[in-house]
Amino acid sequence: MSPPPVPEDGIDLALHHVGVRFGGLVALDDVSLRVPPGRIVGVIGPNGSGKTTLFNVVCGFVAPAGGALTLDGRPFRPRPHRLTHLGIARTLQGVGLFPGLTVLENVLAGASHAARAGFASALFGLPRSDRDERRLRGQALDLLAELGVGQHAAAAPLTLPYAVRKRVALARALIARPRLLLLDEPAGGLGADDVAELGELVRTLPGRAGDPCSVMLVEHHMDLVMSVCHEIVVLDFGRVIAAGTPDQVRDDPRVTEAYLGADVPAQPTGAGS
C-alpha cells in the first residue's frame, strides 16, 4: 500500500545533530531528521535504540546535550506546556484518559487552550463562555463520530475496549487542531485488525479537510509504519543507521542487522544532515 498524497501544509520540524546523555550513557548520538509539512515520518528501532528519548526531546521532557531543533526554520526549544500553542499535539504510549470524565469530557479537555473565552467568562458563566462551550462540544462530537466512536460520547473510558480508548485519545489530540501530531506507540496493545484500522486513520491525517497536519510516528509495529509513512528513520544504539522511503528501509541490510542480529557488511548511512 502506497503512502497518502502529500499536501503542502503542516509544521516543518527538524532535529540537527542532537545528542543526549544520561550520565555515562549515550542515549542519542548525532541524530538528525526532518518532518516536512504534510508528511508522515516514522521513527523505528529495536528496544533501547533511543526512540523514546527522541520523542521526549521533541516534547521538551528531555533537553539535548548537543545539537539543535528548529520549527519552521526557526530555533525551537520545546516546552511541554507550550506545545499546543505552537500547533503541536501528542498522544501517550498508553491512552492517558481521565477515568472520572466521560469520553466527551476527555476530548474537551484537549481543547482547553483553544477556547476563545477568557477565564472570567468561563468562571461566571457569561454568554461568551456558553457560546465557546457549545462550539467545542460540537467539534468534539464531530471528531468522535469521524473516528467511529461517537456512540460512546457519554461513556466512562474504563468501560470501553482498549482500542476504542485509543481512538478517544486520538480525538483528544486532534481537537487541538494541530499542525504537527506526535504519535507515541499508537498501536501498542492493539490486535492485528485494530492496527490495520488505525493505519487507515493515520493515513488520512495529512489530508484532513480544514485541519491537515504533519505526523511523527514512533512505533515498533513494522506493518503499520511501512503502510502509512512517507519516510522512515531507523535508530540503533542512539544513532541513525538508515533513513528513506519504506521500500528503501525495508531493503537496507543495516536494518536487518539491527533487528535480527544478522551479520551484514557495514555501509555508509547517508542519513541526516
Protein backbone atom coordinates (compact mmCIF):
# COMPACT_ATOMS: atom_id res chain seq x y z
CA MET A 1 0.00 0.00 0.00
CA SER A 2 1.46 3.37 -1.01
CA PRO A 3 1.68 6.30 1.46
CA PRO A 4 -1.00 9.01 1.31
CA PRO A 5 -0.55 12.01 -1.00
CA VAL A 6 1.38 14.95 0.40
CA PRO A 7 -0.43 18.29 0.88
CA GLU A 8 1.69 21.39 1.41
CA ASP A 9 0.62 22.18 4.95
CA GLY A 10 1.69 21.44 8.49
CA ILE A 11 4.76 22.29 10.51
CA ASP A 12 8.34 21.79 9.39
CA LEU A 13 10.16 20.19 12.33
CA ALA A 14 13.87 19.35 12.19
CA LEU A 15 16.48 17.94 14.55
CA HIS A 16 20.08 18.85 13.80
CA HIS A 17 22.85 16.63 15.19
CA VAL A 18 21.06 16.13 18.51
CA GLY A 19 22.84 14.31 21.32
CA VAL A 20 21.54 13.19 24.71
CA ARG A 21 23.49 11.65 27.57
CA PHE A 22 22.30 10.25 30.87
CA GLY A 23 25.45 10.16 32.95
CA GLY A 24 27.82 7.91 31.05
CA LEU A 25 25.07 6.51 28.81
CA VAL A 26 24.74 7.92 25.31
CA ALA A 27 21.02 7.82 24.52
CA LEU A 28 21.15 9.81 21.25
CA ASP A 29 24.28 10.41 19.22
CA ASP A 30 24.35 13.00 16.40
CA VAL A 31 20.73 12.39 15.37
CA SER A 32 19.33 14.46 12.51
CA LEU A 33 15.89 14.09 10.97
CA ARG A 34 13.14 16.21 9.46
CA VAL A 35 9.35 16.06 9.49
CA PRO A 36 8.36 18.21 6.48
CA PRO A 37 4.92 19.77 6.05
CA GLY A 38 2.20 17.27 5.22
CA ARG A 39 4.42 14.21 5.73
CA ILE A 40 4.17 11.16 7.96
CA VAL A 41 7.64 10.32 9.25
CA GLY A 42 8.19 7.13 11.23
CA VAL A 43 10.91 6.53 13.80
CA ILE A 44 11.66 2.87 14.44
CA GLY A 45 14.34 0.76 16.06
CA PRO A 46 14.88 -2.14 18.43
CA ASN A 47 14.21 -1.80 22.15
CA GLY A 48 16.71 0.59 23.69
CA SER A 49 17.52 2.26 20.38
CA GLY A 50 16.60 5.77 21.55
CA LYS A 51 13.07 6.15 20.16
CA THR A 52 11.51 7.22 23.45
CA THR A 53 14.34 9.61 24.22
CA LEU A 54 13.97 11.23 20.80
CA PHE A 55 10.24 11.63 21.34
CA ASN A 56 10.87 13.18 24.75
CA VAL A 57 13.36 15.64 23.24
CA VAL A 58 10.76 16.83 20.74
CA CYS A 59 8.15 17.15 23.52
CA GLY A 60 10.51 19.05 25.81
CA PHE A 61 10.79 16.44 28.55
CA VAL A 62 14.48 15.87 27.82
CA ALA A 63 16.93 18.66 26.96
CA PRO A 64 19.60 17.71 24.42
CA ALA A 65 23.23 18.00 25.46
CA GLY A 66 24.18 18.98 21.92
CA GLY A 67 22.66 19.92 18.60
CA ALA A 68 19.53 21.95 17.98
CA LEU A 69 15.87 21.80 16.95
CA THR A 70 14.09 24.09 14.52
CA LEU A 71 10.41 24.68 13.86
CA ASP A 72 9.52 26.25 10.52
CA GLY A 73 13.20 27.12 10.17
CA ARG A 74 13.43 28.97 13.48
CA PRO A 75 15.20 27.83 16.67
CA PHE A 76 12.88 25.66 18.75
CA ARG A 77 13.17 24.96 22.47
CA PRO A 78 10.19 22.74 23.21
CA ARG A 79 8.30 23.15 26.47
CA PRO A 80 5.57 20.59 27.24
CA HIS A 81 3.02 23.19 28.37
CA ARG A 82 3.62 25.31 25.25
CA LEU A 83 3.32 22.64 22.56
CA THR A 84 -0.38 23.14 21.84
CA HIS A 85 0.09 26.89 21.46
CA LEU A 86 2.65 26.15 18.74
CA GLY A 87 0.26 23.84 16.89
CA ILE A 88 1.74 20.59 18.22
CA ALA A 89 -0.26 17.80 19.87
CA ARG A 90 0.83 14.41 21.16
CA THR A 91 -0.56 11.10 22.29
CA LEU A 92 0.89 8.87 25.00
CA GLN A 93 2.08 5.26 24.86
CA GLY A 94 -0.98 4.31 26.88
CA VAL A 95 -4.24 6.16 26.49
CA GLY A 96 -3.87 8.67 29.35
CA LEU A 97 -7.61 9.33 29.65
CA PHE A 98 -9.14 10.73 32.81
CA PRO A 99 -11.23 7.94 34.37
CA GLY A 100 -13.54 10.36 36.21
CA LEU A 101 -14.62 12.12 32.99
CA THR A 102 -16.82 10.89 30.17
CA VAL A 103 -15.42 10.27 26.72
CA LEU A 104 -16.76 13.62 25.52
CA GLU A 105 -15.32 15.44 28.53
CA ASN A 106 -11.93 13.81 27.92
CA VAL A 107 -11.90 15.10 24.36
CA LEU A 108 -12.96 18.57 25.50
CA ALA A 109 -10.03 18.57 27.94
CA GLY A 110 -7.75 18.60 24.91
CA ALA A 111 -9.38 21.77 23.61
CA SER A 112 -8.99 23.96 26.68
CA HIS A 113 -6.27 26.10 25.09
CA ALA A 114 -8.41 26.67 22.01
CA ALA A 115 -11.31 28.22 23.89
CA ARG A 116 -11.67 31.85 22.87
CA ALA A 117 -13.49 32.87 26.06
CA GLY A 118 -11.41 34.29 28.85
CA PHE A 119 -11.08 32.88 32.35
CA ALA A 120 -13.58 35.33 33.84
CA SER A 121 -16.22 34.48 31.24
CA ALA A 122 -15.86 30.78 31.98
CA LEU A 123 -15.83 31.30 35.75
CA PHE A 124 -19.02 33.37 35.87
CA GLY A 125 -20.86 31.57 33.09
CA LEU A 126 -21.09 34.62 30.85
CA PRO A 127 -22.68 34.25 27.36
CA ARG A 128 -19.36 34.25 25.54
CA SER A 129 -18.28 31.21 27.57
CA ASP A 130 -21.55 29.43 26.75
CA ARG A 131 -21.06 30.00 23.03
CA ASP A 132 -17.50 28.75 23.26
CA GLU A 133 -18.56 25.61 25.09
CA ARG A 134 -21.26 24.80 22.53
CA ARG A 135 -18.79 25.27 19.69
CA LEU A 136 -16.19 23.00 21.27
CA ARG A 137 -18.76 20.35 22.20
CA GLY A 138 -19.90 20.28 18.59
CA GLN A 139 -16.32 19.88 17.38
CA ALA A 140 -15.67 17.11 19.92
CA LEU A 141 -18.78 15.18 18.91
CA ASP A 142 -17.89 15.55 15.23
CA LEU A 143 -14.39 14.20 15.89
CA LEU A 144 -15.68 11.22 17.84
CA ALA A 145 -18.07 10.44 15.02
CA GLU A 146 -15.29 10.82 12.43
CA LEU A 147 -13.17 8.30 14.36
CA GLY A 148 -16.07 5.86 14.64
CA VAL A 149 -16.66 6.16 18.40
CA GLY A 150 -19.39 8.79 18.55
CA GLN A 151 -21.81 6.38 20.22
CA HIS A 152 -19.54 6.27 23.27
CA ALA A 153 -19.58 10.02 24.00
CA ALA A 154 -21.36 9.64 27.35
CA ALA A 155 -19.45 6.53 28.47
CA ALA A 156 -16.74 6.30 31.12
CA PRO A 157 -13.41 5.39 29.46
CA LEU A 158 -12.69 2.37 31.65
CA THR A 159 -15.93 0.70 30.49
CA LEU A 160 -14.72 0.66 26.88
CA PRO A 161 -12.42 -1.70 24.95
CA TYR A 162 -8.80 -0.61 24.75
CA ALA A 163 -8.97 0.00 21.00
CA VAL A 164 -11.90 2.40 21.50
CA ARG A 165 -10.00 4.27 24.20
CA LYS A 166 -7.08 4.65 21.79
CA ARG A 167 -9.40 6.39 19.33
CA VAL A 168 -10.72 8.66 22.07
CA ALA A 169 -7.15 9.63 22.92
CA LEU A 170 -6.54 10.43 19.25
CA ALA A 171 -9.68 12.59 19.17
CA ARG A 172 -8.45 14.46 22.25
CA ALA A 173 -5.21 15.26 20.42
CA LEU A 174 -6.93 16.25 17.17
CA ILE A 175 -9.42 18.65 18.76
CA ALA A 176 -6.48 20.97 19.37
CA ARG A 177 -6.32 21.24 15.54
CA PRO A 178 -2.56 20.56 15.48
CA ARG A 179 -0.31 21.22 12.51
CA LEU A 180 2.05 18.54 13.86
CA LEU A 181 0.85 15.40 15.64
CA LEU A 182 3.31 13.31 17.66
CA LEU A 183 2.13 9.71 17.97
CA ASP A 184 3.92 7.65 20.62
CA GLU A 185 3.42 3.90 20.07
CA PRO A 186 -0.23 4.31 18.98
CA ALA A 187 -0.53 0.62 18.06
CA GLY A 188 0.67 -0.64 21.44
CA GLY A 189 -1.73 -3.21 22.89
CA LEU A 190 -3.85 -3.45 19.73
CA GLY A 191 -4.69 -6.59 17.76
CA ALA A 192 -3.97 -7.00 14.06
CA ASP A 193 -7.40 -5.81 12.91
CA ASP A 194 -7.28 -2.75 15.16
CA VAL A 195 -3.76 -1.91 13.94
CA ALA A 196 -4.98 -2.06 10.34
CA GLU A 197 -7.88 0.29 11.16
CA LEU A 198 -5.51 2.62 12.99
CA GLY A 199 -3.33 2.70 9.89
CA GLU A 200 -6.25 3.85 7.78
CA LEU A 201 -6.93 6.65 10.27
CA VAL A 202 -3.32 7.81 10.40
CA ARG A 203 -3.08 7.86 6.61
CA THR A 204 -5.91 10.41 6.46
CA LEU A 205 -4.33 12.90 8.89
CA PRO A 206 -2.18 14.92 6.44
CA GLY A 207 -5.20 15.44 4.20
CA ARG A 208 -7.94 16.11 6.77
CA ALA A 209 -10.30 18.73 5.39
CA GLY A 210 -9.56 22.05 7.06
CA ASP A 211 -7.10 20.58 9.58
CA PRO A 212 -4.22 18.84 7.77
CA CYS A 213 -1.17 18.03 9.87
CA SER A 214 2.27 16.52 9.69
CA VAL A 215 2.86 13.38 11.76
CA MET A 216 5.86 11.98 13.60
CA LEU A 217 5.16 8.36 14.44
CA VAL A 218 7.31 6.50 16.98
CA GLU A 219 6.30 2.86 16.67
CA HIS A 220 7.52 -0.75 16.78
CA HIS A 221 4.74 -2.28 14.67
CA MET A 222 6.55 -2.54 11.35
CA ASP A 223 3.43 -3.27 9.30
CA LEU A 224 1.83 -0.03 10.48
CA VAL A 225 4.95 2.04 9.88
CA MET A 226 5.56 0.62 6.41
CA SER A 227 1.96 1.20 5.32
CA VAL A 228 1.49 4.82 6.46
CA CYS A 229 4.85 6.60 6.39
CA HIS A 230 6.35 8.69 3.61
CA GLU A 231 9.80 8.42 5.21
CA ILE A 232 11.26 6.27 7.98
CA VAL A 233 14.25 6.91 10.23
CA VAL A 234 15.84 3.88 11.91
CA LEU A 235 17.69 4.21 15.21
CA ASP A 236 20.04 1.71 16.82
CA PHE A 237 22.04 2.41 19.99
CA GLY A 238 21.07 6.07 19.70
CA ARG A 239 22.34 6.60 16.16
CA VAL A 240 20.59 6.90 12.80
CA ILE A 241 21.56 3.79 10.85
CA ALA A 242 19.16 4.20 7.93
CA ALA A 243 16.64 6.68 6.54
CA GLY A 244 14.49 6.76 3.44
CA THR A 245 11.23 5.54 1.98
CA PRO A 246 9.60 2.39 3.35
CA ASP A 247 10.96 0.36 0.42
CA GLN A 248 14.49 1.70 0.94
CA VAL A 249 14.42 0.96 4.66
CA ARG A 250 12.87 -2.48 4.19
CA ASP A 251 15.71 -3.49 1.86
CA ASP A 252 18.53 -1.97 3.92
CA PRO A 253 20.80 -4.72 5.38
CA ARG A 254 21.68 -2.49 8.35
CA VAL A 255 18.04 -2.59 9.45
CA THR A 256 18.02 -6.38 9.23
CA GLU A 257 21.18 -6.47 11.31
CA ALA A 258 19.73 -4.17 13.97
CA TYR A 259 16.50 -6.14 14.32
CA LEU A 260 17.69 -9.68 13.72
CA GLY A 261 21.36 -9.58 14.63
CA ALA A 262 22.34 -10.73 11.15
CA ASP A 263 25.98 -10.30 10.14
CA VAL A 264 26.00 -7.88 7.20
CA PRO A 265 28.71 -5.60 5.85
CA ALA A 266 28.78 -2.04 7.14
CA GLN A 267 27.68 0.60 4.64
CA PRO A 268 27.63 4.42 4.70
CA THR A 269 24.30 5.61 6.06
CA GLY A 270 23.90 8.86 4.15
CA ALA A 271 21.20 9.68 6.72
CA GLY A 272 20.51 13.09 8.18
CA SER A 273 22.14 16.41 7.56
